Structure formats: C-alpha cells, structure tokens
N, C-alpha and C. Protein backbone atom coordinates (compact mmCIF):
# COMPACT_ATOMS: atom_id res chain seq x y z
N MET A 1 -37.99 -14.53 20.36
CA MET A 1 -36.69 -13.77 20.95
C MET A 1 -35.62 -14.47 20.11
N LYS A 2 -35.30 -15.87 19.66
CA LYS A 2 -34.37 -16.52 19.42
C LYS A 2 -34.28 -16.30 17.99
N ILE A 3 -35.51 -16.07 17.34
CA ILE A 3 -35.61 -15.55 15.94
C ILE A 3 -34.97 -14.35 16.06
N ARG A 4 -35.49 -13.49 16.42
CA ARG A 4 -34.96 -12.06 16.51
C ARG A 4 -33.28 -11.79 16.21
N LYS A 5 -32.88 -12.59 17.37
CA LYS A 5 -31.12 -12.49 17.33
C LYS A 5 -30.56 -13.08 16.17
N LEU A 6 -31.28 -14.32 15.80
CA LEU A 6 -30.64 -15.21 14.37
C LEU A 6 -30.60 -14.06 13.10
N VAL A 7 -31.82 -13.45 13.04
CA VAL A 7 -31.92 -12.42 12.22
C VAL A 7 -30.78 -11.51 12.21
N VAL A 8 -30.95 -10.74 13.54
CA VAL A 8 -29.88 -9.71 13.67
C VAL A 8 -28.44 -10.22 13.40
N TRP A 9 -28.38 -11.44 13.84
CA TRP A 9 -26.92 -12.12 13.71
C TRP A 9 -26.44 -12.03 12.03
N THR A 10 -27.40 -12.89 11.48
CA THR A 10 -27.72 -12.72 9.81
C THR A 10 -27.23 -11.51 9.31
N VAL A 11 -27.92 -10.65 9.52
CA VAL A 11 -28.07 -9.04 8.86
C VAL A 11 -26.45 -8.49 9.08
N GLY A 12 -25.96 -8.85 10.09
CA GLY A 12 -24.82 -8.03 10.73
C GLY A 12 -23.73 -9.41 9.91
N VAL A 13 -23.67 -10.42 9.86
CA VAL A 13 -22.75 -11.32 8.97
C VAL A 13 -22.72 -10.65 7.28
N ALA A 14 -24.00 -10.43 7.21
CA ALA A 14 -23.96 -10.22 5.38
C ALA A 14 -23.63 -8.79 5.27
N VAL A 15 -23.41 -7.67 6.50
CA VAL A 15 -23.36 -6.33 6.15
C VAL A 15 -21.71 -6.49 6.08
N PHE A 16 -21.10 -7.12 7.10
CA PHE A 16 -19.77 -7.60 7.16
C PHE A 16 -19.01 -8.02 6.04
N SER A 17 -19.54 -9.02 5.21
CA SER A 17 -19.16 -9.73 3.93
C SER A 17 -19.24 -8.61 3.26
N TRP A 18 -20.22 -8.00 2.88
CA TRP A 18 -20.47 -7.29 1.90
C TRP A 18 -19.30 -5.92 1.92
N ASN A 19 -19.29 -5.43 3.11
CA ASN A 19 -18.03 -4.33 3.67
C ASN A 19 -16.85 -5.06 3.16
N ALA A 20 -16.58 -5.93 3.56
CA ALA A 20 -15.09 -7.04 3.31
C ALA A 20 -14.77 -7.25 1.82
N GLN A 21 -16.08 -7.32 1.07
CA GLN A 21 -15.85 -7.55 -0.34
C GLN A 21 -15.78 -6.19 -1.24
N ALA A 22 -16.52 -5.15 -0.60
CA ALA A 22 -16.47 -3.88 -1.34
C ALA A 22 -14.91 -3.49 -1.09
N GLN A 23 -14.27 -3.67 0.13
CA GLN A 23 -12.92 -2.97 0.22
C GLN A 23 -11.74 -3.99 -0.41
N SER A 24 -12.08 -5.08 -0.55
CA SER A 24 -11.19 -5.68 -1.60
C SER A 24 -11.01 -5.54 -3.11
N GLN A 25 -12.30 -4.89 -3.45
CA GLN A 25 -12.43 -4.95 -4.88
C GLN A 25 -12.00 -3.61 -4.98
N ALA A 26 -11.63 -2.63 -4.18
CA ALA A 26 -11.77 -1.18 -4.22
C ALA A 26 -10.58 -0.84 -5.40
N PRO A 27 -10.74 0.22 -6.47
CA PRO A 27 -9.67 0.38 -7.74
C PRO A 27 -8.11 0.52 -6.90
N ALA A 28 -7.31 0.52 -7.66
CA ALA A 28 -5.90 0.63 -7.04
C ALA A 28 -5.72 2.25 -7.08
N ASP A 29 -5.04 2.40 -6.08
CA ASP A 29 -4.58 4.05 -5.97
C ASP A 29 -3.50 4.13 -6.91
N PRO A 30 -3.71 5.49 -7.97
CA PRO A 30 -2.60 5.48 -8.60
C PRO A 30 -1.19 5.79 -7.86
N ALA A 31 -1.41 6.52 -6.42
CA ALA A 31 -0.10 6.40 -5.85
C ALA A 31 0.59 5.62 -5.64
N VAL A 32 -0.36 4.65 -4.98
CA VAL A 32 0.40 3.44 -4.22
C VAL A 32 1.11 2.35 -5.59
N ASP A 33 0.55 2.47 -7.03
CA ASP A 33 1.13 1.79 -8.25
C ASP A 33 2.32 2.34 -8.47
N ALA A 34 2.21 3.87 -8.58
CA ALA A 34 3.94 4.20 -8.92
C ALA A 34 4.51 4.20 -7.80
N CYS A 35 4.62 4.22 -6.68
CA CYS A 35 5.16 3.67 -5.53
C CYS A 35 5.96 2.62 -5.78
N LYS A 36 5.24 1.49 -5.60
CA LYS A 36 5.49 0.11 -6.10
C LYS A 36 6.37 0.10 -7.28
N SER A 37 5.85 0.29 -8.37
CA SER A 37 6.85 0.48 -9.94
C SER A 37 8.46 0.88 -9.48
N THR A 38 8.05 2.25 -9.35
CA THR A 38 9.12 3.08 -8.83
C THR A 38 10.13 2.42 -7.90
N GLY A 39 9.72 1.81 -6.90
CA GLY A 39 10.50 1.26 -5.97
C GLY A 39 10.96 -0.22 -6.00
N LEU A 40 10.19 -1.03 -7.08
CA LEU A 40 10.84 -2.03 -7.66
C LEU A 40 12.21 -1.80 -8.39
N LEU A 41 11.86 -0.90 -9.12
CA LEU A 41 12.99 -0.63 -10.03
C LEU A 41 14.28 0.19 -9.53
N ALA A 42 14.14 0.81 -8.27
CA ALA A 42 15.06 1.25 -7.57
C ALA A 42 15.71 -0.12 -7.10
N LEU A 43 15.29 -0.77 -6.56
CA LEU A 43 15.68 -1.91 -5.60
C LEU A 43 16.54 -2.86 -6.61
N GLN A 44 15.98 -3.18 -7.74
CA GLN A 44 16.73 -3.72 -8.79
C GLN A 44 17.82 -3.32 -9.10
N GLU A 45 17.90 -1.82 -9.56
CA GLU A 45 19.28 -1.41 -9.67
C GLU A 45 20.55 -1.62 -8.69
N ARG A 46 19.99 -1.86 -7.52
CA ARG A 46 21.02 -2.09 -6.44
C ARG A 46 21.37 -3.58 -6.02
N SER A 47 20.34 -4.33 -6.46
CA SER A 47 20.27 -5.60 -6.31
C SER A 47 19.68 -6.62 -7.59
N PRO A 48 19.94 -7.14 -8.58
CA PRO A 48 19.59 -7.56 -9.59
C PRO A 48 18.76 -8.77 -9.38
N GLU A 49 19.10 -9.51 -8.00
CA GLU A 49 18.25 -10.84 -7.44
C GLU A 49 16.80 -10.36 -6.96
N ILE A 50 16.27 -9.43 -7.09
CA ILE A 50 15.04 -9.21 -6.47
C ILE A 50 14.11 -9.27 -7.72
N THR A 51 13.17 -10.00 -7.31
CA THR A 51 12.18 -10.51 -8.34
C THR A 51 10.93 -9.58 -8.39
N ASP A 52 10.54 -9.15 -7.06
CA ASP A 52 9.01 -8.62 -6.94
C ASP A 52 9.29 -7.94 -5.54
N LEU A 53 8.34 -6.80 -5.45
CA LEU A 53 7.67 -6.05 -4.50
C LEU A 53 6.38 -6.27 -4.41
N VAL A 54 5.95 -6.60 -2.98
CA VAL A 54 4.53 -6.88 -2.41
C VAL A 54 4.13 -5.87 -1.45
N LEU A 55 3.53 -5.02 -1.73
CA LEU A 55 2.88 -4.04 -0.80
C LEU A 55 2.22 -4.70 -0.15
N ASP A 56 2.03 -4.36 1.48
CA ASP A 56 0.67 -4.97 2.35
C ASP A 56 -0.42 -3.96 2.29
N MET A 57 -1.31 -4.10 1.32
CA MET A 57 -2.47 -3.37 1.37
C MET A 57 -3.21 -2.97 2.81
N GLU A 58 -3.20 -3.64 3.81
CA GLU A 58 -3.76 -3.57 4.95
C GLU A 58 -2.85 -2.61 5.92
N SER A 59 -1.62 -2.28 5.58
CA SER A 59 -0.74 -1.72 6.34
C SER A 59 -0.74 -0.52 5.67
N LEU A 60 -0.99 -0.03 4.33
CA LEU A 60 -0.72 1.21 3.67
C LEU A 60 -1.73 2.31 4.18
N ALA A 61 -0.99 3.61 4.42
CA ALA A 61 -1.76 4.94 4.76
C ALA A 61 -1.04 5.86 3.50
N VAL A 62 -2.16 6.03 2.69
CA VAL A 62 -1.97 7.34 1.74
C VAL A 62 -2.09 8.45 2.16
N SER A 63 -1.39 9.49 2.27
CA SER A 63 -1.92 10.67 2.87
C SER A 63 -1.77 12.11 1.94
N LYS A 64 -2.80 12.74 1.94
CA LYS A 64 -2.41 13.83 0.91
C LYS A 64 -1.48 14.91 1.96
N ALA A 65 -0.77 15.61 0.81
CA ALA A 65 0.47 16.50 1.65
C ALA A 65 0.16 18.08 0.77
N ASP A 66 0.67 18.68 1.49
CA ASP A 66 0.86 20.21 0.67
C ASP A 66 2.01 20.69 1.59
N THR A 67 3.36 20.18 1.35
CA THR A 67 4.30 20.80 2.03
C THR A 67 5.48 21.04 1.03
N LYS A 68 6.62 20.87 1.36
CA LYS A 68 8.08 21.15 0.43
C LYS A 68 9.26 20.24 1.35
N VAL A 69 9.99 19.84 0.49
CA VAL A 69 11.34 19.49 0.83
C VAL A 69 12.28 20.23 0.01
N GLY A 70 12.76 21.17 0.78
CA GLY A 70 13.49 22.29 0.12
C GLY A 70 12.51 23.02 -0.86
N ASP A 71 12.75 22.91 -2.05
CA ASP A 71 11.86 23.86 -3.02
C ASP A 71 11.15 22.77 -3.70
N VAL A 72 11.17 21.49 -3.15
CA VAL A 72 10.41 20.67 -3.98
C VAL A 72 9.07 20.26 -3.42
N PRO A 73 7.87 20.58 -3.99
CA PRO A 73 6.52 20.12 -3.38
C PRO A 73 6.20 18.83 -3.52
N VAL A 74 5.84 18.37 -1.95
CA VAL A 74 5.29 17.27 -1.95
C VAL A 74 3.74 16.91 -1.77
N LYS A 75 3.21 16.45 -2.42
CA LYS A 75 1.80 16.22 -2.38
C LYS A 75 1.06 15.08 -1.88
N THR A 76 1.65 13.61 -1.95
CA THR A 76 1.14 12.85 -1.28
C THR A 76 2.62 12.05 -0.96
N VAL A 77 1.74 11.22 0.42
CA VAL A 77 2.88 10.70 0.93
C VAL A 77 2.20 9.19 1.19
N VAL A 78 2.96 7.84 1.10
CA VAL A 78 2.84 6.70 1.01
C VAL A 78 3.78 5.91 2.10
N LEU A 79 2.90 5.44 3.03
CA LEU A 79 3.79 4.46 4.35
C LEU A 79 3.19 3.06 4.33
N GLY A 80 3.79 2.32 4.74
CA GLY A 80 3.33 0.93 4.67
C GLY A 80 4.50 -0.25 5.13
N GLU A 81 4.07 -1.30 4.82
CA GLU A 81 4.97 -2.43 4.90
C GLU A 81 4.99 -3.12 3.86
N ALA A 82 6.31 -3.45 3.15
CA ALA A 82 6.63 -4.22 1.98
C ALA A 82 6.93 -5.63 2.27
N TYR A 83 6.88 -6.87 1.23
CA TYR A 83 7.77 -7.69 1.14
C TYR A 83 8.51 -7.96 0.07
N ILE A 84 10.05 -7.85 0.17
CA ILE A 84 10.75 -7.88 -1.07
C ILE A 84 11.00 -9.36 -1.40
N SER A 85 10.56 -9.77 -2.67
CA SER A 85 11.27 -10.94 -3.09
C SER A 85 12.41 -11.10 -3.79
N ARG A 86 13.09 -12.11 -3.31
CA ARG A 86 14.63 -12.12 -3.86
C ARG A 86 14.73 -13.64 -4.13
N LYS A 87 15.03 -13.85 -5.61
CA LYS A 87 14.92 -15.35 -6.18
C LYS A 87 13.63 -16.09 -5.57
N GLN A 88 12.49 -15.70 -5.75
CA GLN A 88 11.44 -16.30 -5.42
C GLN A 88 11.06 -16.48 -4.13
N GLN A 89 11.92 -16.04 -2.84
CA GLN A 89 12.10 -16.02 -1.54
C GLN A 89 11.38 -14.64 -1.10
N THR A 90 10.33 -14.76 -0.22
CA THR A 90 9.90 -13.58 0.27
C THR A 90 10.24 -13.25 1.96
N GLY A 91 11.23 -12.84 2.27
CA GLY A 91 11.42 -12.56 4.01
C GLY A 91 10.36 -11.67 4.97
N LYS A 92 10.79 -11.48 5.81
CA LYS A 92 10.19 -10.44 6.65
C LYS A 92 9.90 -9.08 6.37
N PRO A 93 9.01 -8.27 6.26
CA PRO A 93 8.44 -7.13 5.90
C PRO A 93 9.14 -6.00 6.42
N ASP A 94 9.54 -5.04 5.46
CA ASP A 94 10.25 -3.83 5.46
C ASP A 94 9.21 -2.66 5.43
N ARG A 95 9.68 -1.91 6.13
CA ARG A 95 8.78 -0.37 6.35
C ARG A 95 9.36 0.74 5.28
N PHE A 96 8.28 1.16 4.59
CA PHE A 96 8.94 1.83 3.41
C PHE A 96 7.85 3.13 3.66
N VAL A 97 8.72 4.19 2.74
CA VAL A 97 7.93 5.70 2.83
C VAL A 97 8.27 6.30 1.44
N CYS A 98 7.08 6.54 0.76
CA CYS A 98 7.24 7.03 -0.54
C CYS A 98 6.83 8.30 -0.78
N LEU A 99 7.36 9.23 -1.28
CA LEU A 99 7.02 10.71 -1.15
C LEU A 99 6.80 11.09 -2.97
N LEU A 100 5.73 11.73 -3.14
CA LEU A 100 5.12 11.86 -4.64
C LEU A 100 4.79 13.74 -4.77
N GLY A 101 5.62 13.70 -5.84
CA GLY A 101 5.20 15.32 -6.02
C GLY A 101 4.18 15.51 -7.10
N GLU A 102 4.22 16.59 -7.59
CA GLU A 102 3.15 17.07 -8.49
C GLU A 102 2.97 16.40 -9.50
N LYS A 103 1.77 16.23 -10.15
CA LYS A 103 1.44 15.15 -11.26
C LYS A 103 1.62 13.42 -11.00
N GLY A 104 1.92 13.24 -9.67
CA GLY A 104 1.91 11.69 -9.34
C GLY A 104 3.42 11.30 -9.25
N LYS A 105 4.43 12.38 -9.84
CA LYS A 105 5.91 12.07 -9.89
C LYS A 105 6.53 11.30 -8.57
N VAL A 106 6.72 10.26 -8.61
CA VAL A 106 7.58 9.66 -7.32
C VAL A 106 9.16 10.44 -7.28
N LEU A 107 9.12 11.08 -5.99
CA LEU A 107 10.28 12.03 -5.23
C LEU A 107 11.18 10.88 -4.60
N LEU A 108 10.82 10.01 -3.88
CA LEU A 108 11.57 9.43 -2.79
C LEU A 108 11.04 8.21 -2.78
N THR A 109 11.55 6.77 -2.59
CA THR A 109 11.35 5.50 -2.31
C THR A 109 11.97 5.39 -1.17
N PHE A 110 11.81 5.00 0.11
CA PHE A 110 12.74 4.52 1.07
C PHE A 110 12.40 3.38 1.65
N PHE A 111 13.40 2.31 1.64
CA PHE A 111 12.57 0.91 2.49
C PHE A 111 13.89 0.97 3.58
N THR A 112 13.11 0.43 4.58
CA THR A 112 14.20 -0.20 5.95
C THR A 112 13.70 -1.40 6.52
N ALA A 113 14.43 -2.18 7.15
CA ALA A 113 14.21 -3.42 7.82
C ALA A 113 13.69 -2.92 8.95
C-alpha cells in the first residue's frame, strides 16, 4: 500500500513538473509583445526616466474580441499587471489594458496605479 501511494505521488509530481515547464516555455503571444513594446514607447515619451516595462505573465488575460470603439474594430483585449522600471528601480504593479485592432495594430495602452 505504501509503495502504491509513493508511485501515485511520484507520477503526480512528474506530471505537475512537466506541465509547469510546458507553460513556462510556451511561445510568446504576438499581441502581448505588441502591447509591451508600444506601451513602453508611450510611457517613455511622457517620462524619459522609464527604462523597462515588465508584464506579469501570470496575471495576463488575452481575449479575442469582435467589437468596435466608435467605428474602429477591436479584435483583441489584453488585461494584466505590469511593473514600470524607472532608473533600474521597479515599484508596485500597475494594472493595464491594451486594445488591438485589425492586423494586430495597438489602438490603446492604458496604465493605472
């Protein structure tokens, strides 16, 4: 009986470990990459001391959309938390929203504390 529990526990740990590795090695989402690069540029235009934008991949929600803002089609919405680095110091996370239109074009990136 003890051997059976040990085998079940070992298999469970192996499956969990494999699943965690698979998630961490997943290919980057082009929508997330576009939001990060565009968001960083927009932040640096307002505050040149900003050096980096780190998106919290565990908090991200990438949702396909089929809606419009006015007459502009919105195809993807990215929500999550981001850490804004200023002069190599990173503070608490900011919430962000990123809207993407046709062909992955970033329409809006909004950050809030």
